[in-house]
PDB file of N, CA and C in Angstrom:
ATOM      1  N   UNK A   1     -16.304 -12.362 -20.901  1.00  0.00           N
ATOM      2  CA  UNK A   1     -17.363 -13.158 -20.281  1.00  0.00           C
ATOM      3  C   UNK A   1     -17.297 -13.028 -18.747  1.00  0.00           C
ATOM      4  N   UNK A   2     -16.106 -13.152 -18.195  1.00  0.00           N
ATOM      5  CA  UNK A   2     -15.936 -13.056 -16.751  1.00  0.00           C
ATOM      6  C   UNK A   2     -16.401 -11.690 -16.258  1.00  0.00           C
ATOM      7  N   UNK A   3     -16.095 -10.661 -16.992  1.00  0.00           N
ATOM      8  CA  UNK A   3     -16.471  -9.291 -16.657  1.00  0.00           C
ATOM      9  C   UNK A   3     -17.999  -9.161 -16.557  1.00  0.00           C
ATOM     10  N   UNK A   4     -18.710  -9.714 -17.530  1.00  0.00           N
ATOM     11  CA  UNK A   4     -20.180  -9.626 -17.532  1.00  0.00           C
ATOM     12  C   UNK A   4     -20.782 -10.398 -16.359  1.00  0.00           C
ATOM     13  N   UNK A   5     -20.186 -11.544 -16.010  1.00  0.00           N
ATOM     14  CA  UNK A   5     -20.693 -12.320 -14.869  1.00  0.00           C
ATOM     15  C   UNK A   5     -20.519 -11.555 -13.566  1.00  0.00           C
ATOM     16  N   UNK A   6     -19.389 -10.906 -13.397  1.00  0.00           N
ATOM     17  CA  UNK A   6     -19.143 -10.131 -12.180  1.00  0.00           C
ATOM     18  C   UNK A   6     -20.124  -8.968 -12.092  1.00  0.00           C
ATOM     19  N   UNK A   7     -20.341  -8.282 -13.198  1.00  0.00           N
ATOM     20  CA  UNK A   7     -21.296  -7.164 -13.207  1.00  0.00           C
ATOM     21  C   UNK A   7     -22.702  -7.662 -12.895  1.00  0.00           C
ATOM     22  N   UNK A   8     -23.065  -8.819 -13.417  1.00  0.00           N
ATOM     23  CA  UNK A   8     -24.378  -9.403 -13.135  1.00  0.00           C
ATOM     24  C   UNK A   8     -24.520  -9.751 -11.650  1.00  0.00           C
ATOM     25  N   UNK A   9     -23.485 -10.352 -11.076  1.00  0.00           N
ATOM     26  CA  UNK A   9     -23.517 -10.685  -9.644  1.00  0.00           C
ATOM     27  C   UNK A   9     -23.609  -9.417  -8.798  1.00  0.00           C
ATOM     28  N   UNK A  10     -22.877  -8.386  -9.207  1.00  0.00           N
ATOM     29  CA  UNK A  10     -22.918  -7.117  -8.482  1.00  0.00           C
ATOM     30  C   UNK A  10     -24.312  -6.505  -8.535  1.00  0.00           C
ATOM     31  N   UNK A  11     -24.949  -6.559  -9.704  1.00  0.00           N
ATOM     32  CA  UNK A  11     -26.289  -5.994  -9.846  1.00  0.00           C
ATOM     33  C   UNK A  11     -27.304  -6.742  -8.981  1.00  0.00           C
ATOM     34  N   UNK A  12     -27.144  -8.072  -8.890  1.00  0.00           N
ATOM     35  CA  UNK A  12     -28.039  -8.851  -8.020  1.00  0.00           C
ATOM     36  C   UNK A  12     -27.901  -8.410  -6.568  1.00  0.00           C
ATOM     37  N   UNK A  13     -26.666  -8.168  -6.145  1.00  0.00           N
ATOM     38  CA  UNK A  13     -26.454  -7.673  -4.784  1.00  0.00           C
ATOM     39  C   UNK A  13     -27.080  -6.298  -4.595  1.00  0.00           C
ATOM     40  N   UNK A  14     -26.923  -5.437  -5.567  1.00  0.00           N
ATOM     41  CA  UNK A  14     -27.509  -4.097  -5.489  1.00  0.00           C
ATOM     42  C   UNK A  14     -29.031  -4.155  -5.397  1.00  0.00           C
ATOM     43  N   UNK A  15     -29.623  -5.082  -6.159  1.00  0.00           N
ATOM     44  CA  UNK A  15     -31.081  -5.211  -6.150  1.00  0.00           C
ATOM     45  C   UNK A  15     -31.607  -5.693  -4.802  1.00  0.00           C
ATOM     46  N   UNK A  16     -30.767  -6.413  -4.057  1.00  0.00           N
ATOM     47  CA  UNK A  16     -31.199  -6.956  -2.767  1.00  0.00           C
ATOM     48  C   UNK A  16     -30.775  -6.091  -1.586  1.00  0.00           C
ATOM     49  N   UNK A  17     -30.164  -4.947  -1.847  1.00  0.00           N
ATOM     50  CA  UNK A  17     -29.716  -4.099  -0.746  1.00  0.00           C
ATOM     51  C   UNK A  17     -30.887  -3.686   0.140  1.00  0.00           C
ATOM     52  N   UNK A  18     -30.687  -3.770   1.450  1.00  0.00           N
ATOM     53  CA  UNK A  18     -31.751  -3.344   2.363  1.00  0.00           C
ATOM     54  C   UNK A  18     -31.750  -1.824   2.491  1.00  0.00           C
ATOM     55  N   UNK A  19     -32.181  -1.155   1.425  1.00  0.00           N
ATOM     56  CA  UNK A  19     -32.166   0.307   1.423  1.00  0.00           C
ATOM     57  C   UNK A  19     -33.340   0.794   2.269  1.00  0.00           C
ATOM     58  N   UNK A  20     -33.004   1.379   3.374  1.00  0.00           N
ATOM     59  CA  UNK A  20     -34.000   1.892   4.301  1.00  0.00           C
ATOM     60  C   UNK A  20     -33.335   2.931   5.189  1.00  0.00           C
ATOM     61  N   UNK A  21     -34.126   3.791   5.735  1.00  0.00           N
ATOM     62  CA  UNK A  21     -33.600   4.752   6.694  1.00  0.00           C
ATOM     63  C   UNK A  21     -33.489   4.151   8.079  1.00  0.00           C
ATOM     64  N   UNK A  22     -33.999   2.930   8.240  1.00  0.00           N
ATOM     65  CA  UNK A  22     -34.007   2.291   9.547  1.00  0.00           C
ATOM     66  C   UNK A  22     -32.730   1.477   9.745  1.00  0.00           C
ATOM     67  N   UNK A  23     -31.615   2.190   9.868  1.00  0.00           N
ATOM     68  CA  UNK A  23     -30.341   1.545  10.152  1.00  0.00           C
ATOM     69  C   UNK A  23     -29.735   2.212  11.376  1.00  0.00           C
ATOM     70  N   UNK A  24     -28.970   1.428  12.118  1.00  0.00           N
ATOM     71  CA  UNK A  24     -28.429   1.945  13.364  1.00  0.00           C
ATOM     72  C   UNK A  24     -27.119   1.241  13.670  1.00  0.00           C
ATOM     73  N   UNK A  25     -26.088   2.024  13.928  1.00  0.00           N
ATOM     74  CA  UNK A  25     -24.779   1.502  14.298  1.00  0.00           C
ATOM     75  C   UNK A  25     -24.626   1.625  15.801  1.00  0.00           C
ATOM     76  N   UNK A  26     -24.031   0.640  16.419  1.00  0.00           N
ATOM     77  CA  UNK A  26     -23.769   0.696  17.849  1.00  0.00           C
ATOM     78  C   UNK A  26     -23.966  -0.656  18.492  1.00  0.00           C
ATOM     79  N   UNK A  27     -23.742  -0.702  19.797  1.00  0.00           N
ATOM     80  CA  UNK A  27     -23.884  -1.934  20.571  1.00  0.00           C
ATOM     81  C   UNK A  27     -25.020  -1.769  21.564  1.00  0.00           C
ATOM     82  N   UNK A  28     -25.849  -2.788  21.637  1.00  0.00           N
ATOM     83  CA  UNK A  28     -26.960  -2.788  22.583  1.00  0.00           C
ATOM     84  C   UNK A  28     -26.495  -3.501  23.842  1.00  0.00           C
ATOM     85  N   UNK A  29     -26.523  -2.797  24.958  1.00  0.00           N
ATOM     86  CA  UNK A  29     -26.053  -3.343  26.230  1.00  0.00           C
ATOM     87  C   UNK A  29     -27.177  -3.364  27.252  1.00  0.00           C
ATOM     88  N   UNK A  30     -27.082  -4.306  28.169  1.00  0.00           N
ATOM     89  CA  UNK A  30     -28.004  -4.352  29.308  1.00  0.00           C
ATOM     90  C   UNK A  30     -27.221  -3.913  30.535  1.00  0.00           C
ATOM     91  N   UNK A  31     -27.715  -2.909  31.215  1.00  0.00           N
ATOM     92  CA  UNK A  31     -27.052  -2.403  32.420  1.00  0.00           C
ATOM     93  C   UNK A  31     -28.016  -2.486  33.586  1.00  0.00           C
ATOM     94  N   UNK A  32     -27.468  -2.417  34.771  1.00  0.00           N
ATOM     95  CA  UNK A  32     -28.280  -2.358  35.982  1.00  0.00           C
ATOM     96  C   UNK A  32     -27.925  -1.077  36.711  1.00  0.00           C
ATOM     97  N   UNK A  33     -28.951  -0.284  36.997  1.00  0.00           N
ATOM     98  CA  UNK A  33     -28.704   0.953  37.747  1.00  0.00           C
ATOM     99  C   UNK A  33     -29.197   0.760  39.178  1.00  0.00           C
ATOM    100  N   UNK A  34     -28.482   1.366  40.091  1.00  0.00           N
ATOM    101  CA  UNK A  34     -28.822   1.274  41.508  1.00  0.00           C
ATOM    102  C   UNK A  34     -28.767   2.674  42.116  1.00  0.00           C
ATOM    103  N   UNK A  35     -29.441   2.820  43.217  1.00  0.00           N
ATOM    104  CA  UNK A  35     -29.430   4.084  43.972  1.00  0.00           C
ATOM    105  C   UNK A  35     -29.937   5.256  43.153  1.00  0.00           C
ATOM    106  N   UNK A  36     -30.982   5.036  42.379  1.00  0.00           N
ATOM    107  CA  UNK A  36     -31.511   6.143  41.586  1.00  0.00           C
ATOM    108  C   UNK A  36     -32.490   7.004  42.374  1.00  0.00           C
ATOM    109  N   UNK A  37     -33.069   6.441  43.425  1.00  0.00           N
ATOM    110  CA  UNK A  37     -34.007   7.228  44.237  1.00  0.00           C
ATOM    111  C   UNK A  37     -33.957   6.715  45.670  1.00  0.00           C
ATOM    112  N   UNK A  38     -33.953   7.647  46.597  1.00  0.00           N
ATOM    113  CA  UNK A  38     -33.939   7.209  47.993  1.00  0.00           C
ATOM    114  C   UNK A  38     -35.284   6.576  48.321  1.00  0.00           C
ATOM    115  N   UNK A  39     -35.243   5.525  49.059  1.00  0.00           N
ATOM    116  CA  UNK A  39     -36.465   4.830  49.443  1.00  0.00           C
ATOM    117  C   UNK A  39     -36.897   3.745  48.475  1.00  0.00           C
ATOM    118  N   UNK A  40     -36.166   3.538  47.400  1.00  0.00           N
ATOM    119  CA  UNK A  40     -36.507   2.487  46.440  1.00  0.00           C
ATOM    120  C   UNK A  40     -36.064   1.147  47.028  1.00  0.00           C
ATOM    121  N   UNK A  41     -36.998   0.227  47.184  1.00  0.00           N
ATOM    122  CA  UNK A  41     -36.677  -1.053  47.817  1.00  0.00           C
ATOM    123  C   UNK A  41     -35.767  -1.915  46.937  1.00  0.00           C
ATOM    124  N   UNK A  42     -35.933  -1.841  45.620  1.00  0.00           N
ATOM    125  CA  UNK A  42     -35.067  -2.610  44.723  1.00  0.00           C
ATOM    126  C   UNK A  42     -33.625  -2.126  44.828  1.00  0.00           C
ATOM    127  N   UNK A  43     -33.450  -0.825  44.866  1.00  0.00           N
ATOM    128  CA  UNK A  43     -32.107  -0.267  44.974  1.00  0.00           C
ATOM    129  C   UNK A  43     -31.516  -0.565  46.354  1.00  0.00           C
ATOM    130  N   UNK A  44     -32.328  -0.453  47.382  1.00  0.00           N
ATOM    131  CA  UNK A  44     -31.858  -0.695  48.747  1.00  0.00           C
ATOM    132  C   UNK A  44     -31.421  -2.145  48.930  1.00  0.00           C
ATOM    133  N   UNK A  45     -32.101  -3.077  48.249  1.00  0.00           N
ATOM    134  CA  UNK A  45     -31.740  -4.496  48.376  1.00  0.00           C
ATOM    135  C   UNK A  45     -30.534  -4.857  47.515  1.00  0.00           C
ATOM    136  N   UNK A  46     -30.111  -3.947  46.638  1.00  0.00           N
ATOM    137  CA  UNK A  46     -28.974  -4.218  45.763  1.00  0.00           C
ATOM    138  C   UNK A  46     -29.370  -4.834  44.436  1.00  0.00           C
ATOM    139  N   UNK A  47     -30.654  -5.109  44.255  1.00  0.00           N
ATOM    140  CA  UNK A  47     -31.134  -5.731  43.015  1.00  0.00           C
ATOM    141  C   UNK A  47     -31.022  -4.774  41.834  1.00  0.00           C
ATOM    142  N   UNK A  48     -31.426  -3.550  42.014  1.00  0.00           N
ATOM    143  CA  UNK A  48     -31.330  -2.537  40.968  1.00  0.00           C
ATOM    144  C   UNK A  48     -32.394  -2.682  39.898  1.00  0.00           C
ATOM    145  N   UNK A  49     -32.252  -1.871  38.858  1.00  0.00           N
ATOM    146  CA  UNK A  49     -33.207  -1.827  37.756  1.00  0.00           C
ATOM    147  C   UNK A  49     -32.483  -2.093  36.443  1.00  0.00           C
ATOM    148  N   UNK A  50     -33.035  -3.014  35.646  1.00  0.00           N
ATOM    149  CA  UNK A  50     -32.436  -3.322  34.337  1.00  0.00           C
ATOM    150  C   UNK A  50     -32.705  -2.164  33.382  1.00  0.00           C
ATOM    151  N   UNK A  51     -31.703  -1.862  32.556  1.00  0.00           N
ATOM    152  CA  UNK A  51     -31.807  -0.763  31.620  1.00  0.00           C
ATOM    153  C   UNK A  51     -31.079  -1.150  30.340  1.00  0.00           C
ATOM    154  N   UNK A  52     -31.714  -0.909  29.194  1.00  0.00           N
ATOM    155  CA  UNK A  52     -31.063  -1.149  27.902  1.00  0.00           C
ATOM    156  C   UNK A  52     -30.439   0.145  27.422  1.00  0.00           C
ATOM    157  N   UNK A  53     -29.211   0.019  26.899  1.00  0.00           N
ATOM    158  CA  UNK A  53     -28.450   1.190  26.472  1.00  0.00           C
ATOM    159  C   UNK A  53     -27.841   0.909  25.106  1.00  0.00           C
ATOM    160  N   UNK A  54     -27.958   1.860  24.200  1.00  0.00           N
ATOM    161  CA  UNK A  54     -27.260   1.791  22.922  1.00  0.00           C
ATOM    162  C   UNK A  54     -25.989   2.612  23.071  1.00  0.00           C
ATOM    163  N   UNK A  55     -24.829   1.984  22.829  1.00  0.00           N
ATOM    164  CA  UNK A  55     -23.548   2.653  22.932  1.00  0.00           C
ATOM    165  C   UNK A  55     -22.958   2.791  21.543  1.00  0.00           C
ATOM    166  N   UNK A  56     -22.583   4.010  21.183  1.00  0.00           N
ATOM    167  CA  UNK A  56     -22.012   4.299  19.870  1.00  0.00           C
ATOM    168  C   UNK A  56     -20.654   4.970  20.082  1.00  0.00           C
ATOM    169  N   UNK A  57     -19.636   4.440  19.407  1.00  0.00           N
ATOM    170  CA  UNK A  57     -18.296   5.021  19.490  1.00  0.00           C
ATOM    171  C   UNK A  57     -18.018   5.793  18.214  1.00  0.00           C
ATOM    172  N   UNK A  58     -17.511   6.992  18.378  1.00  0.00           N
ATOM    173  CA  UNK A  58     -17.207   7.880  17.260  1.00  0.00           C
ATOM    174  C   UNK A  58     -15.698   7.988  17.076  1.00  0.00           C
ATOM    175  N   UNK A  59     -15.259   8.470  15.911  1.00  0.00           N
ATOM    176  CA  UNK A  59     -13.817   8.660  15.699  1.00  0.00           C
ATOM    177  C   UNK A  59     -13.222   9.537  16.796  1.00  0.00           C
ATOM    178  N   UNK A  60     -12.030   9.193  17.196  1.00  0.00           N
ATOM    179  CA  UNK A  60     -11.393   9.926  18.275  1.00  0.00           C
ATOM    180  C   UNK A  60     -11.660   9.306  19.631  1.00  0.00           C
ATOM    181  N   UNK A  61     -12.426   8.204  19.643  1.00  0.00           N
ATOM    182  CA  UNK A  61     -12.686   7.497  20.890  1.00  0.00           C
ATOM    183  C   UNK A  61     -13.854   8.023  21.702  1.00  0.00           C
ATOM    184  N   UNK A  62     -14.545   9.032  21.189  1.00  0.00           N
ATOM    185  CA  UNK A  62     -15.700   9.574  21.920  1.00  0.00           C
ATOM    186  C   UNK A  62     -16.846   8.551  21.881  1.00  0.00           C
ATOM    187  N   UNK A  63     -17.477   8.325  23.003  1.00  0.00           N
ATOM    188  CA  UNK A  63     -18.578   7.369  23.111  1.00  0.00           C
ATOM    189  C   UNK A  63     -19.835   8.092  23.559  1.00  0.00           C
ATOM    190  N   UNK A  64     -20.932   7.663  22.994  1.00  0.00           N
ATOM    191  CA  UNK A  64     -22.229   8.235  23.372  1.00  0.00           C
ATOM    192  C   UNK A  64     -23.166   7.104  23.743  1.00  0.00           C
ATOM    193  N   UNK A  65     -23.955   7.270  24.783  1.00  0.00           N
ATOM    194  CA  UNK A  65     -24.895   6.245  25.214  1.00  0.00           C
ATOM    195  C   UNK A  65     -26.306   6.805  25.194  1.00  0.00           C
ATOM    196  N   UNK A  66     -27.220   5.959  24.711  1.00  0.00           N
ATOM    197  CA  UNK A  66     -28.633   6.320  24.659  1.00  0.00           C
ATOM    198  C   UNK A  66     -29.405   5.319  25.507  1.00  0.00           C
ATOM    199  N   UNK A  67     -30.110   5.793  26.510  1.00  0.00           N
ATOM    200  CA  UNK A  67     -30.976   4.914  27.297  1.00  0.00           C
ATOM    201  C   UNK A  67     -32.220   4.628  26.482  1.00  0.00           C
ATOM    202  N   UNK A  68     -32.658   3.373  26.500  1.00  0.00           N
ATOM    203  CA  UNK A  68     -33.798   2.969  25.680  1.00  0.00           C
ATOM    204  C   UNK A  68     -34.955   2.497  26.540  1.00  0.00           C
ATOM    205  N   UNK A  69     -36.134   2.827  26.106  1.00  0.00           N
ATOM    206  CA  UNK A  69     -37.320   2.271  26.741  1.00  0.00           C
ATOM    207  C   UNK A  69     -37.438   0.813  26.320  1.00  0.00           C
ATOM    208  N   UNK A  70     -37.984   0.008  27.180  1.00  0.00           N
ATOM    209  CA  UNK A  70     -38.110  -1.426  26.938  1.00  0.00           C
ATOM    210  C   UNK A  70     -38.823  -1.723  25.615  1.00  0.00           C
ATOM    211  N   UNK A  71     -39.842  -0.940  25.283  1.00  0.00           N
ATOM    212  CA  UNK A  71     -40.627  -1.194  24.060  1.00  0.00           C
ATOM    213  C   UNK A  71     -39.865  -0.844  22.775  1.00  0.00           C
ATOM    214  N   UNK A  72     -38.748  -0.161  22.882  1.00  0.00           N
ATOM    215  CA  UNK A  72     -37.958   0.210  21.696  1.00  0.00           C
ATOM    216  C   UNK A  72     -36.817  -0.765  21.400  1.00  0.00           C
ATOM    217  N   UNK A  73     -36.526  -1.678  22.312  1.00  0.00           N
ATOM    218  CA  UNK A  73     -35.374  -2.570  22.179  1.00  0.00           C
ATOM    219  C   UNK A  73     -35.481  -3.450  20.932  1.00  0.00           C
ATOM    220  N   UNK A  74     -36.641  -4.045  20.668  1.00  0.00           N
ATOM    221  CA  UNK A  74     -36.801  -4.884  19.472  1.00  0.00           C
ATOM    222  C   UNK A  74     -36.608  -4.076  18.191  1.00  0.00           C
ATOM    223  N   UNK A  75     -37.103  -2.860  18.182  1.00  0.00           N
ATOM    224  CA  UNK A  75     -36.930  -1.978  17.033  1.00  0.00           C
ATOM    225  C   UNK A  75     -35.444  -1.658  16.806  1.00  0.00           C
ATOM    226  N   UNK A  76     -34.734  -1.373  17.879  1.00  0.00           N
ATOM    227  CA  UNK A  76     -33.303  -1.085  17.787  1.00  0.00           C
ATOM    228  C   UNK A  76     -32.553  -2.299  17.254  1.00  0.00           C
ATOM    229  N   UNK A  77     -32.906  -3.482  17.725  1.00  0.00           N
ATOM    230  CA  UNK A  77     -32.264  -4.709  17.221  1.00  0.00           C
ATOM    231  C   UNK A  77     -32.510  -4.878  15.723  1.00  0.00           C
ATOM    232  N   UNK A  78     -33.728  -4.600  15.269  1.00  0.00           N
ATOM    233  CA  UNK A  78     -34.052  -4.712  13.841  1.00  0.00           C
ATOM    234  C   UNK A  78     -33.229  -3.704  13.025  1.00  0.00           C
ATOM    235  N   UNK A  79     -33.131  -2.486  13.516  1.00  0.00           N
ATOM    236  CA  UNK A  79     -32.353  -1.463  12.830  1.00  0.00           C
ATOM    237  C   UNK A  79     -30.878  -1.848  12.781  1.00  0.00           C
ATOM    238  N   UNK A  80     -30.366  -2.457  13.839  1.00  0.00           N
ATOM    239  CA  UNK A  80     -28.976  -2.920  13.844  1.00  0.00           C
ATOM    240  C   UNK A  80     -28.773  -4.048  12.824  1.00  0.00           C
ATOM    241  N   UNK A  81     -29.742  -4.963  12.703  1.00  0.00           N
ATOM    242  CA  UNK A  81     -29.656  -6.020  11.683  1.00  0.00           C
ATOM    243  C   UNK A  81     -29.621  -5.417  10.294  1.00  0.00           C
ATOM    244  N   UNK A  82     -30.460  -4.409  10.051  1.00  0.00           N
ATOM    245  CA  UNK A  82     -30.452  -3.725   8.751  1.00  0.00           C
ATOM    246  C   UNK A  82     -29.078  -3.132   8.465  1.00  0.00           C
ATOM    247  N   UNK A  83     -28.464  -2.538   9.475  1.00  0.00           N
ATOM    248  CA  UNK A  83     -27.130  -1.949   9.316  1.00  0.00           C
ATOM    249  C   UNK A  83     -26.117  -3.035   8.959  1.00  0.00           C
ATOM    250  N   UNK A  84     -26.153  -4.161   9.676  1.00  0.00           N
ATOM    251  CA  UNK A  84     -25.202  -5.246   9.410  1.00  0.00           C
ATOM    252  C   UNK A  84     -25.414  -5.840   8.020  1.00  0.00           C
ATOM    253  N   UNK A  85     -26.686  -6.013   7.613  1.00  0.00           N
ATOM    254  CA  UNK A  85     -26.979  -6.541   6.266  1.00  0.00           C
ATOM    255  C   UNK A  85     -26.443  -5.600   5.196  1.00  0.00           C
ATOM    256  N   UNK A  86     -26.644  -4.312   5.393  1.00  0.00           N
ATOM    257  CA  UNK A  86     -26.161  -3.318   4.439  1.00  0.00           C
ATOM    258  C   UNK A  86     -24.633  -3.328   4.379  1.00  0.00           C
ATOM    259  N   UNK A  87     -24.002  -3.402   5.530  1.00  0.00           N
ATOM    260  CA  UNK A  87     -22.540  -3.420   5.598  1.00  0.00           C
ATOM    261  C   UNK A  87     -21.980  -4.665   4.887  1.00  0.00           C
ATOM    262  N   UNK A  88     -22.588  -5.827   5.112  1.00  0.00           N
ATOM    263  CA  UNK A  88     -22.134  -7.054   4.449  1.00  0.00           C
ATOM    264  C   UNK A  88     -22.309  -6.967   2.938  1.00  0.00           C
ATOM    265  N   UNK A  89     -23.430  -6.404   2.490  1.00  0.00           N
ATOM    266  CA  UNK A  89     -23.672  -6.264   1.050  1.00  0.00           C
ATOM    267  C   UNK A  89     -22.658  -5.313   0.424  1.00  0.00           C
ATOM    268  N   UNK A  90     -22.353  -4.234   1.097  1.00  0.00           N
ATOM    269  CA  UNK A  90     -21.359  -3.284   0.579  1.00  0.00           C
ATOM    270  C   UNK A  90     -19.999  -3.957   0.469  1.00  0.00           C
ATOM    271  N   UNK A  91     -19.622  -4.743   1.459  1.00  0.00           N
ATOM    272  CA  UNK A  91     -18.336  -5.451   1.411  1.00  0.00           C
ATOM    273  C   UNK A  91     -18.300  -6.430   0.241  1.00  0.00           C
ATOM    274  N   UNK A  92     -19.403  -7.150   0.001  1.00  0.00           N
ATOM    275  CA  UNK A  92     -19.456  -8.099  -1.117  1.00  0.00           C
ATOM    276  C   UNK A  92     -19.337  -7.365  -2.453  1.00  0.00           C
ATOM    277  N   UNK A  93     -19.990  -6.219  -2.571  1.00  0.00           N
ATOM    278  CA  UNK A  93     -19.909  -5.420  -3.798  1.00  0.00           C
ATOM    279  C   UNK A  93     -18.470  -4.922  -4.004  1.00  0.00           C
ATOM    280  N   UNK A  94     -17.824  -4.501  -2.935  1.00  0.00           N
ATOM    281  CA  UNK A  94     -16.429  -4.045  -3.043  1.00  0.00           C
ATOM    282  C   UNK A  94     -15.529  -5.177  -3.525  1.00  0.00           C
ATOM    283  N   UNK A  95     -15.740  -6.389  -3.053  1.00  0.00           N
ATOM    284  CA  UNK A  95     -14.934  -7.528  -3.495  1.00  0.00           C
ATOM    285  C   UNK A  95     -15.131  -7.778  -4.991  1.00  0.00           C
ATOM    286  N   UNK A  96     -16.372  -7.673  -5.447  1.00  0.00           N
ATOM    287  CA  UNK A  96     -16.636  -7.840  -6.880  1.00  0.00           C
ATOM    288  C   UNK A  96     -15.966  -6.720  -7.683  1.00  0.00           C
ATOM    289  N   UNK A  97     -16.005  -5.517  -7.171  1.00  0.00           N
ATOM    290  CA  UNK A  97     -15.351  -4.403  -7.859  1.00  0.00           C
ATOM    291  C   UNK A  97     -13.835  -4.591  -7.908  1.00  0.00           C
ATOM    292  N   UNK A  98     -13.264  -5.203  -6.875  1.00  0.00           N
ATOM    293  CA  UNK A  98     -11.834  -5.520  -6.907  1.00  0.00           C
ATOM    294  C   UNK A  98     -11.545  -6.482  -8.060  1.00  0.00           C
ATOM    295  N   UNK A  99     -12.435  -7.442  -8.263  1.00  0.00           N
ATOM    296  CA  UNK A  99     -12.269  -8.389  -9.376  1.00  0.00           C
ATOM    297  C   UNK A  99     -12.350  -7.663 -10.719  1.00  0.00           C
ATOM    298  N   UNK A 100     -13.222  -6.673 -10.807  1.00  0.00           N
ATOM    299  CA  UNK A 100     -13.354  -5.921 -12.061  1.00  0.00           C
ATOM    300  C   UNK A 100     -12.099  -5.110 -12.381  1.00  0.00           C
ATOM    301  N   UNK A 101     -11.311  -4.790 -11.380  1.00  0.00           N
ATOM    302  CA  UNK A 101     -10.087  -4.026 -11.608  1.00  0.00           C
ATOM    303  C   UNK A 101      -8.970  -4.878 -12.218  1.00  0.00           C
ATOM    304  N   UNK A 102      -9.098  -6.188 -12.077  1.00  0.00           N
ATOM    305  CA  UNK A 102      -8.089  -7.071 -12.660  1.00  0.00           C
ATOM    306  C   UNK A 102      -8.231  -7.076 -14.179  1.00  0.00           C
ATOM    307  N   UNK A 103      -7.117  -7.209 -14.877  1.00  0.00           N
ATOM    308  CA  UNK A 103      -7.204  -7.240 -16.342  1.00  0.00           C
ATOM    309  C   UNK A 103      -7.974  -8.476 -16.810  1.00  0.00           C
ATOM    310  N   UNK A 104      -8.751  -8.294 -17.829  1.00  0.00           N
ATOM    311  CA  UNK A 104      -9.514  -9.393 -18.409  1.00  0.00           C
ATOM    312  C   UNK A 104      -8.554 -10.305 -19.169  1.00  0.00           C
ATOM    313  N   UNK A 105      -8.595 -11.601 -18.883  1.00  0.00           N
ATOM    314  CA  UNK A 105      -7.655 -12.548 -19.486  1.00  0.00           C
ATOM    315  C   UNK A 105      -7.805 -12.624 -21.006  1.00  0.00           C
ATOM    316  N   UNK A 106      -9.041 -12.585 -21.504  1.00  0.00           N
ATOM    317  CA  UNK A 106      -9.235 -12.686 -22.957  1.00  0.00           C
ATOM    318  C   UNK A 106      -8.694 -11.461 -23.664  1.00  0.00           C
ATOM    319  N   UNK A 107      -8.832 -10.291 -23.041  1.00  0.00           N
ATOM    320  CA  UNK A 107      -8.318  -9.062 -23.645  1.00  0.00           C
ATOM    321  C   UNK A 107      -6.794  -9.084 -23.679  1.00  0.00           C
ATOM    322  N   UNK A 108      -6.188  -9.604 -22.627  1.00  0.00           N
ATOM    323  CA  UNK A 108      -4.717  -9.627 -22.605  1.00  0.00           C
ATOM    324  C   UNK A 108      -4.176 -10.611 -23.642  1.00  0.00           C
ATOM    325  N   UNK A 109      -4.859 -11.719 -23.896  1.00  0.00           N
ATOM    326  CA  UNK A 109      -4.425 -12.667 -24.918  1.00  0.00           C
ATOM    327  C   UNK A 109      -4.519 -12.032 -26.302  1.00  0.00           C
ATOM    328  N   UNK A 110      -5.561 -11.274 -26.544  1.00  0.00           N
ATOM    329  CA  UNK A 110      -5.742 -10.604 -27.828  1.00  0.00           C
ATOM    330  C   UNK A 110      -4.637  -9.577 -28.046  1.00  0.00           C
ATOM    331  N   UNK A 111      -4.327  -8.831 -26.996  1.00  0.00           N
ATOM    332  CA  UNK A 111      -3.269  -7.826 -27.098  1.00  0.00           C
ATOM    333  C   UNK A 111      -1.915  -8.469 -27.379  1.00  0.00           C
ATOM    334  N   UNK A 112      -1.642  -9.608 -26.749  1.00  0.00           N
ATOM    335  CA  UNK A 112      -0.363 -10.284 -26.964  1.00  0.00           C
ATOM    336  C   UNK A 112      -0.215 -10.711 -28.428  1.00  0.00           C
ATOM    337  N   UNK A 113      -1.297 -11.211 -29.000  1.00  0.00           N
ATOM    338  CA  UNK A 113      -1.235 -11.690 -30.392  1.00  0.00           C
ATOM    339  C   UNK A 113      -0.971 -10.512 -31.332  1.00  0.00           C
ATOM    340  N   UNK A 114      -1.575  -9.379 -31.054  1.00  0.00           N
ATOM    341  CA  UNK A 114      -1.405  -8.234 -31.959  1.00  0.00           C
ATOM    342  C   UNK A 114       0.009  -7.656 -31.865  1.00  0.00           C
ATOM    343  N   UNK A 115       0.696  -7.880 -30.756  1.00  0.00           N
ATOM    344  CA  UNK A 115       2.059  -7.350 -30.580  1.00  0.00           C
ATOM    345  C   UNK A 115       3.068  -8.154 -31.389  1.00  0.00           C
ATOM    346  N   UNK A 116       2.806  -9.446 -31.575  1.00  0.00           N
ATOM    347  CA  UNK A 116       3.792 -10.306 -32.258  1.00  0.00           C
ATOM    348  C   UNK A 116       3.869 -10.047 -33.721  1.00  0.00           C
TER     349      UNK A 116
END
């Protein structure tokens, strides 16, 4: 019985997976750039220009940064949410699968009786 309940819970999670190609791993950062062009009054005053950057770290410590246009920031945030939702669902499914690896209590009781 416990086995069937776990499989049912796992299937419900699978049915709700946010399966989409719109997933994105990384951190969205806000940076300020200065001195990008001579004669720029914002740069000359020290105010600078706001810039959104997606930073992604790869195995081995290599980091890559992508500068984003302002109109793409909301889309990137949505894609990052999709990634986090997918990651959380996968972790929940793995936990259920760990439970499935445990011996079923009713089966072990039956086996014990047959041994005696």
